[in-house]
Amino acid sequence: FFQSAMKEPSKGIGKGGRPPHRPS
């Protein structure tokens, strides 16, 4: 699981962690 998660990061998040903040 961790090897596959490291190879394929989720889309839109970037480097990992929280999604980027977009001010309105």
PDBML (XML) file of the C-alpha atoms, coordinates in Angstrom:
<?xml version="1.0" encoding="UTF-8" ?>
<PDBx:datablock datablockName="MODEL"
   xmlns:PDBx="http://pdbml.pdb.org/schema/pdbx-v50.xsd"
   xmlns:xsi="http://www.w3.org/2001/XMLSchema-instance"
   xsi:schemaLocation="http://pdbml.pdb.org/schema/pdbx-v50.xsd pdbx-v50.xsd">
   <PDBx:atom_siteCategory>
      <PDBx:atom_site id="1">
         <PDBx:B_iso_or_equiv>0.00</PDBx:B_iso_or_equiv>
         <PDBx:Cartn_x>0.000</PDBx:Cartn_x>
         <PDBx:Cartn_y>0.000</PDBx:Cartn_y>
         <PDBx:Cartn_z>0.000</PDBx:Cartn_z>
         <PDBx:auth_asym_id>A</PDBx:auth_asym_id>
         <PDBx:auth_atom_id>CA</PDBx:auth_atom_id>
         <PDBx:auth_comp_id>PHE</PDBx:auth_comp_id>
         <PDBx:auth_seq_id>1</PDBx:auth_seq_id>
         <PDBx:group_PDB>ATOM</PDBx:group_PDB>
         <PDBx:label_alt_id xsi:nil="true" />
         <PDBx:label_asym_id>A</PDBx:label_asym_id>
         <PDBx:label_atom_id>CA</PDBx:label_atom_id>
         <PDBx:label_comp_id>PHE</PDBx:label_comp_id>
         <PDBx:label_entity_id>1</PDBx:label_entity_id>
         <PDBx:label_seq_id>1</PDBx:label_seq_id>
         <PDBx:occupancy>1.00</PDBx:occupancy>
         <PDBx:pdbx_PDB_model_num>1</PDBx:pdbx_PDB_model_num>
         <PDBx:type_symbol>C</PDBx:type_symbol>
      </PDBx:atom_site>
      <PDBx:atom_site id="2">
         <PDBx:B_iso_or_equiv>0.00</PDBx:B_iso_or_equiv>
         <PDBx:Cartn_x>2.655</PDBx:Cartn_x>
         <PDBx:Cartn_y>2.516</PDBx:Cartn_y>
         <PDBx:Cartn_z>0.971</PDBx:Cartn_z>
         <PDBx:auth_asym_id>A</PDBx:auth_asym_id>
         <PDBx:auth_atom_id>CA</PDBx:auth_atom_id>
         <PDBx:auth_comp_id>PHE</PDBx:auth_comp_id>
         <PDBx:auth_seq_id>2</PDBx:auth_seq_id>
         <PDBx:group_PDB>ATOM</PDBx:group_PDB>
         <PDBx:label_alt_id xsi:nil="true" />
         <PDBx:label_asym_id>A</PDBx:label_asym_id>
         <PDBx:label_atom_id>CA</PDBx:label_atom_id>
         <PDBx:label_comp_id>PHE</PDBx:label_comp_id>
         <PDBx:label_entity_id>1</PDBx:label_entity_id>
         <PDBx:label_seq_id>2</PDBx:label_seq_id>
         <PDBx:occupancy>1.00</PDBx:occupancy>
         <PDBx:pdbx_PDB_model_num>1</PDBx:pdbx_PDB_model_num>
         <PDBx:type_symbol>C</PDBx:type_symbol>
      </PDBx:atom_site>
      <PDBx:atom_site id="3">
         <PDBx:B_iso_or_equiv>0.00</PDBx:B_iso_or_equiv>
         <PDBx:Cartn_x>4.818</PDBx:Cartn_x>
         <PDBx:Cartn_y>1.751</PDBx:Cartn_y>
         <PDBx:Cartn_z>-2.068</PDBx:Cartn_z>
         <PDBx:auth_asym_id>A</PDBx:auth_asym_id>
         <PDBx:auth_atom_id>CA</PDBx:auth_atom_id>
         <PDBx:auth_comp_id>GLN</PDBx:auth_comp_id>
         <PDBx:auth_seq_id>3</PDBx:auth_seq_id>
         <PDBx:group_PDB>ATOM</PDBx:group_PDB>
         <PDBx:label_alt_id xsi:nil="true" />
         <PDBx:label_asym_id>A</PDBx:label_asym_id>
         <PDBx:label_atom_id>CA</PDBx:label_atom_id>
         <PDBx:label_comp_id>GLN</PDBx:label_comp_id>
         <PDBx:label_entity_id>1</PDBx:label_entity_id>
         <PDBx:label_seq_id>3</PDBx:label_seq_id>
         <PDBx:occupancy>1.00</PDBx:occupancy>
         <PDBx:pdbx_PDB_model_num>1</PDBx:pdbx_PDB_model_num>
         <PDBx:type_symbol>C</PDBx:type_symbol>
      </PDBx:atom_site>
      <PDBx:atom_site id="4">
         <PDBx:B_iso_or_equiv>0.00</PDBx:B_iso_or_equiv>
         <PDBx:Cartn_x>1.856</PDBx:Cartn_x>
         <PDBx:Cartn_y>2.268</PDBx:Cartn_y>
         <PDBx:Cartn_z>-4.398</PDBx:Cartn_z>
         <PDBx:auth_asym_id>A</PDBx:auth_asym_id>
         <PDBx:auth_atom_id>CA</PDBx:auth_atom_id>
         <PDBx:auth_comp_id>SER</PDBx:auth_comp_id>
         <PDBx:auth_seq_id>4</PDBx:auth_seq_id>
         <PDBx:group_PDB>ATOM</PDBx:group_PDB>
         <PDBx:label_alt_id xsi:nil="true" />
         <PDBx:label_asym_id>A</PDBx:label_asym_id>
         <PDBx:label_atom_id>CA</PDBx:label_atom_id>
         <PDBx:label_comp_id>SER</PDBx:label_comp_id>
         <PDBx:label_entity_id>1</PDBx:label_entity_id>
         <PDBx:label_seq_id>4</PDBx:label_seq_id>
         <PDBx:occupancy>1.00</PDBx:occupancy>
         <PDBx:pdbx_PDB_model_num>1</PDBx:pdbx_PDB_model_num>
         <PDBx:type_symbol>C</PDBx:type_symbol>
      </PDBx:atom_site>
      <PDBx:atom_site id="5">
         <PDBx:B_iso_or_equiv>0.00</PDBx:B_iso_or_equiv>
         <PDBx:Cartn_x>0.865</PDBx:Cartn_x>
         <PDBx:Cartn_y>5.468</PDBx:Cartn_y>
         <PDBx:Cartn_z>-2.579</PDBx:Cartn_z>
         <PDBx:auth_asym_id>A</PDBx:auth_asym_id>
         <PDBx:auth_atom_id>CA</PDBx:auth_atom_id>
         <PDBx:auth_comp_id>ALA</PDBx:auth_comp_id>
         <PDBx:auth_seq_id>5</PDBx:auth_seq_id>
         <PDBx:group_PDB>ATOM</PDBx:group_PDB>
         <PDBx:label_alt_id xsi:nil="true" />
         <PDBx:label_asym_id>A</PDBx:label_asym_id>
         <PDBx:label_atom_id>CA</PDBx:label_atom_id>
         <PDBx:label_comp_id>ALA</PDBx:label_comp_id>
         <PDBx:label_entity_id>1</PDBx:label_entity_id>
         <PDBx:label_seq_id>5</PDBx:label_seq_id>
         <PDBx:occupancy>1.00</PDBx:occupancy>
         <PDBx:pdbx_PDB_model_num>1</PDBx:pdbx_PDB_model_num>
         <PDBx:type_symbol>C</PDBx:type_symbol>
      </PDBx:atom_site>
      <PDBx:atom_site id="6">
         <PDBx:B_iso_or_equiv>0.00</PDBx:B_iso_or_equiv>
         <PDBx:Cartn_x>4.393</PDBx:Cartn_x>
         <PDBx:Cartn_y>6.821</PDBx:Cartn_y>
         <PDBx:Cartn_z>-2.924</PDBx:Cartn_z>
         <PDBx:auth_asym_id>A</PDBx:auth_asym_id>
         <PDBx:auth_atom_id>CA</PDBx:auth_atom_id>
         <PDBx:auth_comp_id>MET</PDBx:auth_comp_id>
         <PDBx:auth_seq_id>6</PDBx:auth_seq_id>
         <PDBx:group_PDB>ATOM</PDBx:group_PDB>
         <PDBx:label_alt_id xsi:nil="true" />
         <PDBx:label_asym_id>A</PDBx:label_asym_id>
         <PDBx:label_atom_id>CA</PDBx:label_atom_id>
         <PDBx:label_comp_id>MET</PDBx:label_comp_id>
         <PDBx:label_entity_id>1</PDBx:label_entity_id>
         <PDBx:label_seq_id>6</PDBx:label_seq_id>
         <PDBx:occupancy>1.00</PDBx:occupancy>
         <PDBx:pdbx_PDB_model_num>1</PDBx:pdbx_PDB_model_num>
         <PDBx:type_symbol>C</PDBx:type_symbol>
      </PDBx:atom_site>
      <PDBx:atom_site id="7">
         <PDBx:B_iso_or_equiv>0.00</PDBx:B_iso_or_equiv>
         <PDBx:Cartn_x>4.515</PDBx:Cartn_x>
         <PDBx:Cartn_y>6.015</PDBx:Cartn_y>
         <PDBx:Cartn_z>-6.640</PDBx:Cartn_z>
         <PDBx:auth_asym_id>A</PDBx:auth_asym_id>
         <PDBx:auth_atom_id>CA</PDBx:auth_atom_id>
         <PDBx:auth_comp_id>LYS</PDBx:auth_comp_id>
         <PDBx:auth_seq_id>7</PDBx:auth_seq_id>
         <PDBx:group_PDB>ATOM</PDBx:group_PDB>
         <PDBx:label_alt_id xsi:nil="true" />
         <PDBx:label_asym_id>A</PDBx:label_asym_id>
         <PDBx:label_atom_id>CA</PDBx:label_atom_id>
         <PDBx:label_comp_id>LYS</PDBx:label_comp_id>
         <PDBx:label_entity_id>1</PDBx:label_entity_id>
         <PDBx:label_seq_id>7</PDBx:label_seq_id>
         <PDBx:occupancy>1.00</PDBx:occupancy>
         <PDBx:pdbx_PDB_model_num>1</PDBx:pdbx_PDB_model_num>
         <PDBx:type_symbol>C</PDBx:type_symbol>
      </PDBx:atom_site>
      <PDBx:atom_site id="8">
         <PDBx:B_iso_or_equiv>0.00</PDBx:B_iso_or_equiv>
         <PDBx:Cartn_x>1.088</PDBx:Cartn_x>
         <PDBx:Cartn_y>7.505</PDBx:Cartn_y>
         <PDBx:Cartn_z>-7.422</PDBx:Cartn_z>
         <PDBx:auth_asym_id>A</PDBx:auth_asym_id>
         <PDBx:auth_atom_id>CA</PDBx:auth_atom_id>
         <PDBx:auth_comp_id>GLU</PDBx:auth_comp_id>
         <PDBx:auth_seq_id>8</PDBx:auth_seq_id>
         <PDBx:group_PDB>ATOM</PDBx:group_PDB>
         <PDBx:label_alt_id xsi:nil="true" />
         <PDBx:label_asym_id>A</PDBx:label_asym_id>
         <PDBx:label_atom_id>CA</PDBx:label_atom_id>
         <PDBx:label_comp_id>GLU</PDBx:label_comp_id>
         <PDBx:label_entity_id>1</PDBx:label_entity_id>
         <PDBx:label_seq_id>8</PDBx:label_seq_id>
         <PDBx:occupancy>1.00</PDBx:occupancy>
         <PDBx:pdbx_PDB_model_num>1</PDBx:pdbx_PDB_model_num>
         <PDBx:type_symbol>C</PDBx:type_symbol>
      </PDBx:atom_site>
      <PDBx:atom_site id="9">
         <PDBx:B_iso_or_equiv>0.00</PDBx:B_iso_or_equiv>
         <PDBx:Cartn_x>0.356</PDBx:Cartn_x>
         <PDBx:Cartn_y>10.619</PDBx:Cartn_y>
         <PDBx:Cartn_z>-5.352</PDBx:Cartn_z>
         <PDBx:auth_asym_id>A</PDBx:auth_asym_id>
         <PDBx:auth_atom_id>CA</PDBx:auth_atom_id>
         <PDBx:auth_comp_id>PRO</PDBx:auth_comp_id>
         <PDBx:auth_seq_id>9</PDBx:auth_seq_id>
         <PDBx:group_PDB>ATOM</PDBx:group_PDB>
         <PDBx:label_alt_id xsi:nil="true" />
         <PDBx:label_asym_id>A</PDBx:label_asym_id>
         <PDBx:label_atom_id>CA</PDBx:label_atom_id>
         <PDBx:label_comp_id>PRO</PDBx:label_comp_id>
         <PDBx:label_entity_id>1</PDBx:label_entity_id>
         <PDBx:label_seq_id>9</PDBx:label_seq_id>
         <PDBx:occupancy>1.00</PDBx:occupancy>
         <PDBx:pdbx_PDB_model_num>1</PDBx:pdbx_PDB_model_num>
         <PDBx:type_symbol>C</PDBx:type_symbol>
      </PDBx:atom_site>
      <PDBx:atom_site id="10">
         <PDBx:B_iso_or_equiv>0.00</PDBx:B_iso_or_equiv>
         <PDBx:Cartn_x>-3.233</PDBx:Cartn_x>
         <PDBx:Cartn_y>11.777</PDBx:Cartn_y>
         <PDBx:Cartn_z>-5.408</PDBx:Cartn_z>
         <PDBx:auth_asym_id>A</PDBx:auth_asym_id>
         <PDBx:auth_atom_id>CA</PDBx:auth_atom_id>
         <PDBx:auth_comp_id>SER</PDBx:auth_comp_id>
         <PDBx:auth_seq_id>10</PDBx:auth_seq_id>
         <PDBx:group_PDB>ATOM</PDBx:group_PDB>
         <PDBx:label_alt_id xsi:nil="true" />
         <PDBx:label_asym_id>A</PDBx:label_asym_id>
         <PDBx:label_atom_id>CA</PDBx:label_atom_id>
         <PDBx:label_comp_id>SER</PDBx:label_comp_id>
         <PDBx:label_entity_id>1</PDBx:label_entity_id>
         <PDBx:label_seq_id>10</PDBx:label_seq_id>
         <PDBx:occupancy>1.00</PDBx:occupancy>
         <PDBx:pdbx_PDB_model_num>1</PDBx:pdbx_PDB_model_num>
         <PDBx:type_symbol>C</PDBx:type_symbol>
      </PDBx:atom_site>
      <PDBx:atom_site id="11">
         <PDBx:B_iso_or_equiv>0.00</PDBx:B_iso_or_equiv>
         <PDBx:Cartn_x>-4.091</PDBx:Cartn_x>
         <PDBx:Cartn_y>14.419</PDBx:Cartn_y>
         <PDBx:Cartn_z>-7.978</PDBx:Cartn_z>
         <PDBx:auth_asym_id>A</PDBx:auth_asym_id>
         <PDBx:auth_atom_id>CA</PDBx:auth_atom_id>
         <PDBx:auth_comp_id>LYS</PDBx:auth_comp_id>
         <PDBx:auth_seq_id>11</PDBx:auth_seq_id>
         <PDBx:group_PDB>ATOM</PDBx:group_PDB>
         <PDBx:label_alt_id xsi:nil="true" />
         <PDBx:label_asym_id>A</PDBx:label_asym_id>
         <PDBx:label_atom_id>CA</PDBx:label_atom_id>
         <PDBx:label_comp_id>LYS</PDBx:label_comp_id>
         <PDBx:label_entity_id>1</PDBx:label_entity_id>
         <PDBx:label_seq_id>11</PDBx:label_seq_id>
         <PDBx:occupancy>1.00</PDBx:occupancy>
         <PDBx:pdbx_PDB_model_num>1</PDBx:pdbx_PDB_model_num>
         <PDBx:type_symbol>C</PDBx:type_symbol>
      </PDBx:atom_site>
      <PDBx:atom_site id="12">
         <PDBx:B_iso_or_equiv>0.00</PDBx:B_iso_or_equiv>
         <PDBx:Cartn_x>-4.394</PDBx:Cartn_x>
         <PDBx:Cartn_y>18.085</PDBx:Cartn_y>
         <PDBx:Cartn_z>-7.065</PDBx:Cartn_z>
         <PDBx:auth_asym_id>A</PDBx:auth_asym_id>
         <PDBx:auth_atom_id>CA</PDBx:auth_atom_id>
         <PDBx:auth_comp_id>GLY</PDBx:auth_comp_id>
         <PDBx:auth_seq_id>12</PDBx:auth_seq_id>
         <PDBx:group_PDB>ATOM</PDBx:group_PDB>
         <PDBx:label_alt_id xsi:nil="true" />
         <PDBx:label_asym_id>A</PDBx:label_asym_id>
         <PDBx:label_atom_id>CA</PDBx:label_atom_id>
         <PDBx:label_comp_id>GLY</PDBx:label_comp_id>
         <PDBx:label_entity_id>1</PDBx:label_entity_id>
         <PDBx:label_seq_id>12</PDBx:label_seq_id>
         <PDBx:occupancy>1.00</PDBx:occupancy>
         <PDBx:pdbx_PDB_model_num>1</PDBx:pdbx_PDB_model_num>
         <PDBx:type_symbol>C</PDBx:type_symbol>
      </PDBx:atom_site>
      <PDBx:atom_site id="13">
         <PDBx:B_iso_or_equiv>0.00</PDBx:B_iso_or_equiv>
         <PDBx:Cartn_x>-2.480</PDBx:Cartn_x>
         <PDBx:Cartn_y>17.909</PDBx:Cartn_y>
         <PDBx:Cartn_z>-3.815</PDBx:Cartn_z>
         <PDBx:auth_asym_id>A</PDBx:auth_asym_id>
         <PDBx:auth_atom_id>CA</PDBx:auth_atom_id>
         <PDBx:auth_comp_id>ILE</PDBx:auth_comp_id>
         <PDBx:auth_seq_id>13</PDBx:auth_seq_id>
         <PDBx:group_PDB>ATOM</PDBx:group_PDB>
         <PDBx:label_alt_id xsi:nil="true" />
         <PDBx:label_asym_id>A</PDBx:label_asym_id>
         <PDBx:label_atom_id>CA</PDBx:label_atom_id>
         <PDBx:label_comp_id>ILE</PDBx:label_comp_id>
         <PDBx:label_entity_id>1</PDBx:label_entity_id>
         <PDBx:label_seq_id>13</PDBx:label_seq_id>
         <PDBx:occupancy>1.00</PDBx:occupancy>
         <PDBx:pdbx_PDB_model_num>1</PDBx:pdbx_PDB_model_num>
         <PDBx:type_symbol>C</PDBx:type_symbol>
      </PDBx:atom_site>
      <PDBx:atom_site id="14">
         <PDBx:B_iso_or_equiv>0.00</PDBx:B_iso_or_equiv>
         <PDBx:Cartn_x>1.061</PDBx:Cartn_x>
         <PDBx:Cartn_y>18.361</PDBx:Cartn_y>
         <PDBx:Cartn_z>-5.087</PDBx:Cartn_z>
         <PDBx:auth_asym_id>A</PDBx:auth_asym_id>
         <PDBx:auth_atom_id>CA</PDBx:auth_atom_id>
         <PDBx:auth_comp_id>GLY</PDBx:auth_comp_id>
         <PDBx:auth_seq_id>14</PDBx:auth_seq_id>
         <PDBx:group_PDB>ATOM</PDBx:group_PDB>
         <PDBx:label_alt_id xsi:nil="true" />
         <PDBx:label_asym_id>A</PDBx:label_asym_id>
         <PDBx:label_atom_id>CA</PDBx:label_atom_id>
         <PDBx:label_comp_id>GLY</PDBx:label_comp_id>
         <PDBx:label_entity_id>1</PDBx:label_entity_id>
         <PDBx:label_seq_id>14</PDBx:label_seq_id>
         <PDBx:occupancy>1.00</PDBx:occupancy>
         <PDBx:pdbx_PDB_model_num>1</PDBx:pdbx_PDB_model_num>
         <PDBx:type_symbol>C</PDBx:type_symbol>
      </PDBx:atom_site>
      <PDBx:atom_site id="15">
         <PDBx:B_iso_or_equiv>0.00</PDBx:B_iso_or_equiv>
         <PDBx:Cartn_x>3.825</PDBx:Cartn_x>
         <PDBx:Cartn_y>17.303</PDBx:Cartn_y>
         <PDBx:Cartn_z>-2.729</PDBx:Cartn_z>
         <PDBx:auth_asym_id>A</PDBx:auth_asym_id>
         <PDBx:auth_atom_id>CA</PDBx:auth_atom_id>
         <PDBx:auth_comp_id>LYS</PDBx:auth_comp_id>
         <PDBx:auth_seq_id>15</PDBx:auth_seq_id>
         <PDBx:group_PDB>ATOM</PDBx:group_PDB>
         <PDBx:label_alt_id xsi:nil="true" />
         <PDBx:label_asym_id>A</PDBx:label_asym_id>
         <PDBx:label_atom_id>CA</PDBx:label_atom_id>
         <PDBx:label_comp_id>LYS</PDBx:label_comp_id>
         <PDBx:label_entity_id>1</PDBx:label_entity_id>
         <PDBx:label_seq_id>15</PDBx:label_seq_id>
         <PDBx:occupancy>1.00</PDBx:occupancy>
         <PDBx:pdbx_PDB_model_num>1</PDBx:pdbx_PDB_model_num>
         <PDBx:type_symbol>C</PDBx:type_symbol>
      </PDBx:atom_site>
      <PDBx:atom_site id="16">
         <PDBx:B_iso_or_equiv>0.00</PDBx:B_iso_or_equiv>
         <PDBx:Cartn_x>1.471</PDBx:Cartn_x>
         <PDBx:Cartn_y>15.801</PDBx:Cartn_y>
         <PDBx:Cartn_z>-0.199</PDBx:Cartn_z>
         <PDBx:auth_asym_id>A</PDBx:auth_asym_id>
         <PDBx:auth_atom_id>CA</PDBx:auth_atom_id>
         <PDBx:auth_comp_id>GLY</PDBx:auth_comp_id>
         <PDBx:auth_seq_id>16</PDBx:auth_seq_id>
         <PDBx:group_PDB>ATOM</PDBx:group_PDB>
         <PDBx:label_alt_id xsi:nil="true" />
         <PDBx:label_asym_id>A</PDBx:label_asym_id>
         <PDBx:label_atom_id>CA</PDBx:label_atom_id>
         <PDBx:label_comp_id>GLY</PDBx:label_comp_id>
         <PDBx:label_entity_id>1</PDBx:label_entity_id>
         <PDBx:label_seq_id>16</PDBx:label_seq_id>
         <PDBx:occupancy>1.00</PDBx:occupancy>
         <PDBx:pdbx_PDB_model_num>1</PDBx:pdbx_PDB_model_num>
         <PDBx:type_symbol>C</PDBx:type_symbol>
      </PDBx:atom_site>
      <PDBx:atom_site id="17">
         <PDBx:B_iso_or_equiv>0.00</PDBx:B_iso_or_equiv>
         <PDBx:Cartn_x>-0.198</PDBx:Cartn_x>
         <PDBx:Cartn_y>17.080</PDBx:Cartn_y>
         <PDBx:Cartn_z>2.901</PDBx:Cartn_z>
         <PDBx:auth_asym_id>A</PDBx:auth_asym_id>
         <PDBx:auth_atom_id>CA</PDBx:auth_atom_id>
         <PDBx:auth_comp_id>GLY</PDBx:auth_comp_id>
         <PDBx:auth_seq_id>17</PDBx:auth_seq_id>
         <PDBx:group_PDB>ATOM</PDBx:group_PDB>
         <PDBx:label_alt_id xsi:nil="true" />
         <PDBx:label_asym_id>A</PDBx:label_asym_id>
         <PDBx:label_atom_id>CA</PDBx:label_atom_id>
         <PDBx:label_comp_id>GLY</PDBx:label_comp_id>
         <PDBx:label_entity_id>1</PDBx:label_entity_id>
         <PDBx:label_seq_id>17</PDBx:label_seq_id>
         <PDBx:occupancy>1.00</PDBx:occupancy>
         <PDBx:pdbx_PDB_model_num>1</PDBx:pdbx_PDB_model_num>
         <PDBx:type_symbol>C</PDBx:type_symbol>
      </PDBx:atom_site>
      <PDBx:atom_site id="18">
         <PDBx:B_iso_or_equiv>0.00</PDBx:B_iso_or_equiv>
         <PDBx:Cartn_x>-3.021</PDBx:Cartn_x>
         <PDBx:Cartn_y>19.559</PDBx:Cartn_y>
         <PDBx:Cartn_z>2.765</PDBx:Cartn_z>
         <PDBx:auth_asym_id>A</PDBx:auth_asym_id>
         <PDBx:auth_atom_id>CA</PDBx:auth_atom_id>
         <PDBx:auth_comp_id>ARG</PDBx:auth_comp_id>
         <PDBx:auth_seq_id>18</PDBx:auth_seq_id>
         <PDBx:group_PDB>ATOM</PDBx:group_PDB>
         <PDBx:label_alt_id xsi:nil="true" />
         <PDBx:label_asym_id>A</PDBx:label_asym_id>
         <PDBx:label_atom_id>CA</PDBx:label_atom_id>
         <PDBx:label_comp_id>ARG</PDBx:label_comp_id>
         <PDBx:label_entity_id>1</PDBx:label_entity_id>
         <PDBx:label_seq_id>18</PDBx:label_seq_id>
         <PDBx:occupancy>1.00</PDBx:occupancy>
         <PDBx:pdbx_PDB_model_num>1</PDBx:pdbx_PDB_model_num>
         <PDBx:type_symbol>C</PDBx:type_symbol>
      </PDBx:atom_site>
      <PDBx:atom_site id="19">
         <PDBx:B_iso_or_equiv>0.00</PDBx:B_iso_or_equiv>
         <PDBx:Cartn_x>-4.459</PDBx:Cartn_x>
         <PDBx:Cartn_y>20.799</PDBx:Cartn_y>
         <PDBx:Cartn_z>-0.507</PDBx:Cartn_z>
         <PDBx:auth_asym_id>A</PDBx:auth_asym_id>
         <PDBx:auth_atom_id>CA</PDBx:auth_atom_id>
         <PDBx:auth_comp_id>PRO</PDBx:auth_comp_id>
         <PDBx:auth_seq_id>19</PDBx:auth_seq_id>
         <PDBx:group_PDB>ATOM</PDBx:group_PDB>
         <PDBx:label_alt_id xsi:nil="true" />
         <PDBx:label_asym_id>A</PDBx:label_asym_id>
         <PDBx:label_atom_id>CA</PDBx:label_atom_id>
         <PDBx:label_comp_id>PRO</PDBx:label_comp_id>
         <PDBx:label_entity_id>1</PDBx:label_entity_id>
         <PDBx:label_seq_id>19</PDBx:label_seq_id>
         <PDBx:occupancy>1.00</PDBx:occupancy>
         <PDBx:pdbx_PDB_model_num>1</PDBx:pdbx_PDB_model_num>
         <PDBx:type_symbol>C</PDBx:type_symbol>
      </PDBx:atom_site>
      <PDBx:atom_site id="20">
         <PDBx:B_iso_or_equiv>0.00</PDBx:B_iso_or_equiv>
         <PDBx:Cartn_x>-3.226</PDBx:Cartn_x>
         <PDBx:Cartn_y>24.282</PDBx:Cartn_y>
         <PDBx:Cartn_z>-1.499</PDBx:Cartn_z>
         <PDBx:auth_asym_id>A</PDBx:auth_asym_id>
         <PDBx:auth_atom_id>CA</PDBx:auth_atom_id>
         <PDBx:auth_comp_id>PRO</PDBx:auth_comp_id>
         <PDBx:auth_seq_id>20</PDBx:auth_seq_id>
         <PDBx:group_PDB>ATOM</PDBx:group_PDB>
         <PDBx:label_alt_id xsi:nil="true" />
         <PDBx:label_asym_id>A</PDBx:label_asym_id>
         <PDBx:label_atom_id>CA</PDBx:label_atom_id>
         <PDBx:label_comp_id>PRO</PDBx:label_comp_id>
         <PDBx:label_entity_id>1</PDBx:label_entity_id>
         <PDBx:label_seq_id>20</PDBx:label_seq_id>
         <PDBx:occupancy>1.00</PDBx:occupancy>
         <PDBx:pdbx_PDB_model_num>1</PDBx:pdbx_PDB_model_num>
         <PDBx:type_symbol>C</PDBx:type_symbol>
      </PDBx:atom_site>
      <PDBx:atom_site id="21">
         <PDBx:B_iso_or_equiv>0.00</PDBx:B_iso_or_equiv>
         <PDBx:Cartn_x>-5.168</PDBx:Cartn_x>
         <PDBx:Cartn_y>27.242</PDBx:Cartn_y>
         <PDBx:Cartn_z>-0.108</PDBx:Cartn_z>
         <PDBx:auth_asym_id>A</PDBx:auth_asym_id>
         <PDBx:auth_atom_id>CA</PDBx:auth_atom_id>
         <PDBx:auth_comp_id>HIS</PDBx:auth_comp_id>
         <PDBx:auth_seq_id>21</PDBx:auth_seq_id>
         <PDBx:group_PDB>ATOM</PDBx:group_PDB>
         <PDBx:label_alt_id xsi:nil="true" />
         <PDBx:label_asym_id>A</PDBx:label_asym_id>
         <PDBx:label_atom_id>CA</PDBx:label_atom_id>
         <PDBx:label_comp_id>HIS</PDBx:label_comp_id>
         <PDBx:label_entity_id>1</PDBx:label_entity_id>
         <PDBx:label_seq_id>21</PDBx:label_seq_id>
         <PDBx:occupancy>1.00</PDBx:occupancy>
         <PDBx:pdbx_PDB_model_num>1</PDBx:pdbx_PDB_model_num>
         <PDBx:type_symbol>C</PDBx:type_symbol>
      </PDBx:atom_site>
      <PDBx:atom_site id="22">
         <PDBx:B_iso_or_equiv>0.00</PDBx:B_iso_or_equiv>
         <PDBx:Cartn_x>-7.065</PDBx:Cartn_x>
         <PDBx:Cartn_y>29.263</PDBx:Cartn_y>
         <PDBx:Cartn_z>-2.684</PDBx:Cartn_z>
         <PDBx:auth_asym_id>A</PDBx:auth_asym_id>
         <PDBx:auth_atom_id>CA</PDBx:auth_atom_id>
         <PDBx:auth_comp_id>ARG</PDBx:auth_comp_id>
         <PDBx:auth_seq_id>22</PDBx:auth_seq_id>
         <PDBx:group_PDB>ATOM</PDBx:group_PDB>
         <PDBx:label_alt_id xsi:nil="true" />
         <PDBx:label_asym_id>A</PDBx:label_asym_id>
         <PDBx:label_atom_id>CA</PDBx:label_atom_id>
         <PDBx:label_comp_id>ARG</PDBx:label_comp_id>
         <PDBx:label_entity_id>1</PDBx:label_entity_id>
         <PDBx:label_seq_id>22</PDBx:label_seq_id>
         <PDBx:occupancy>1.00</PDBx:occupancy>
         <PDBx:pdbx_PDB_model_num>1</PDBx:pdbx_PDB_model_num>
         <PDBx:type_symbol>C</PDBx:type_symbol>
      </PDBx:atom_site>
      <PDBx:atom_site id="23">
         <PDBx:B_iso_or_equiv>0.00</PDBx:B_iso_or_equiv>
         <PDBx:Cartn_x>-8.258</PDBx:Cartn_x>
         <PDBx:Cartn_y>32.618</PDBx:Cartn_y>
         <PDBx:Cartn_z>-1.300</PDBx:Cartn_z>
         <PDBx:auth_asym_id>A</PDBx:auth_asym_id>
         <PDBx:auth_atom_id>CA</PDBx:auth_atom_id>
         <PDBx:auth_comp_id>PRO</PDBx:auth_comp_id>
         <PDBx:auth_seq_id>23</PDBx:auth_seq_id>
         <PDBx:group_PDB>ATOM</PDBx:group_PDB>
         <PDBx:label_alt_id xsi:nil="true" />
         <PDBx:label_asym_id>A</PDBx:label_asym_id>
         <PDBx:label_atom_id>CA</PDBx:label_atom_id>
         <PDBx:label_comp_id>PRO</PDBx:label_comp_id>
         <PDBx:label_entity_id>1</PDBx:label_entity_id>
         <PDBx:label_seq_id>23</PDBx:label_seq_id>
         <PDBx:occupancy>1.00</PDBx:occupancy>
         <PDBx:pdbx_PDB_model_num>1</PDBx:pdbx_PDB_model_num>
         <PDBx:type_symbol>C</PDBx:type_symbol>
      </PDBx:atom_site>
      <PDBx:atom_site id="24">
         <PDBx:B_iso_or_equiv>0.00</PDBx:B_iso_or_equiv>
         <PDBx:Cartn_x>-11.694</PDBx:Cartn_x>
         <PDBx:Cartn_y>33.813</PDBx:Cartn_y>
         <PDBx:Cartn_z>-2.361</PDBx:Cartn_z>
         <PDBx:auth_asym_id>A</PDBx:auth_asym_id>
         <PDBx:auth_atom_id>CA</PDBx:auth_atom_id>
         <PDBx:auth_comp_id>SER</PDBx:auth_comp_id>
         <PDBx:auth_seq_id>24</PDBx:auth_seq_id>
         <PDBx:group_PDB>ATOM</PDBx:group_PDB>
         <PDBx:label_alt_id xsi:nil="true" />
         <PDBx:label_asym_id>A</PDBx:label_asym_id>
         <PDBx:label_atom_id>CA</PDBx:label_atom_id>
         <PDBx:label_comp_id>SER</PDBx:label_comp_id>
         <PDBx:label_entity_id>1</PDBx:label_entity_id>
         <PDBx:label_seq_id>24</PDBx:label_seq_id>
         <PDBx:occupancy>1.00</PDBx:occupancy>
         <PDBx:pdbx_PDB_model_num>1</PDBx:pdbx_PDB_model_num>
         <PDBx:type_symbol>C</PDBx:type_symbol>
      </PDBx:atom_site>
   </PDBx:atom_siteCategory>
</PDBx:datablock>
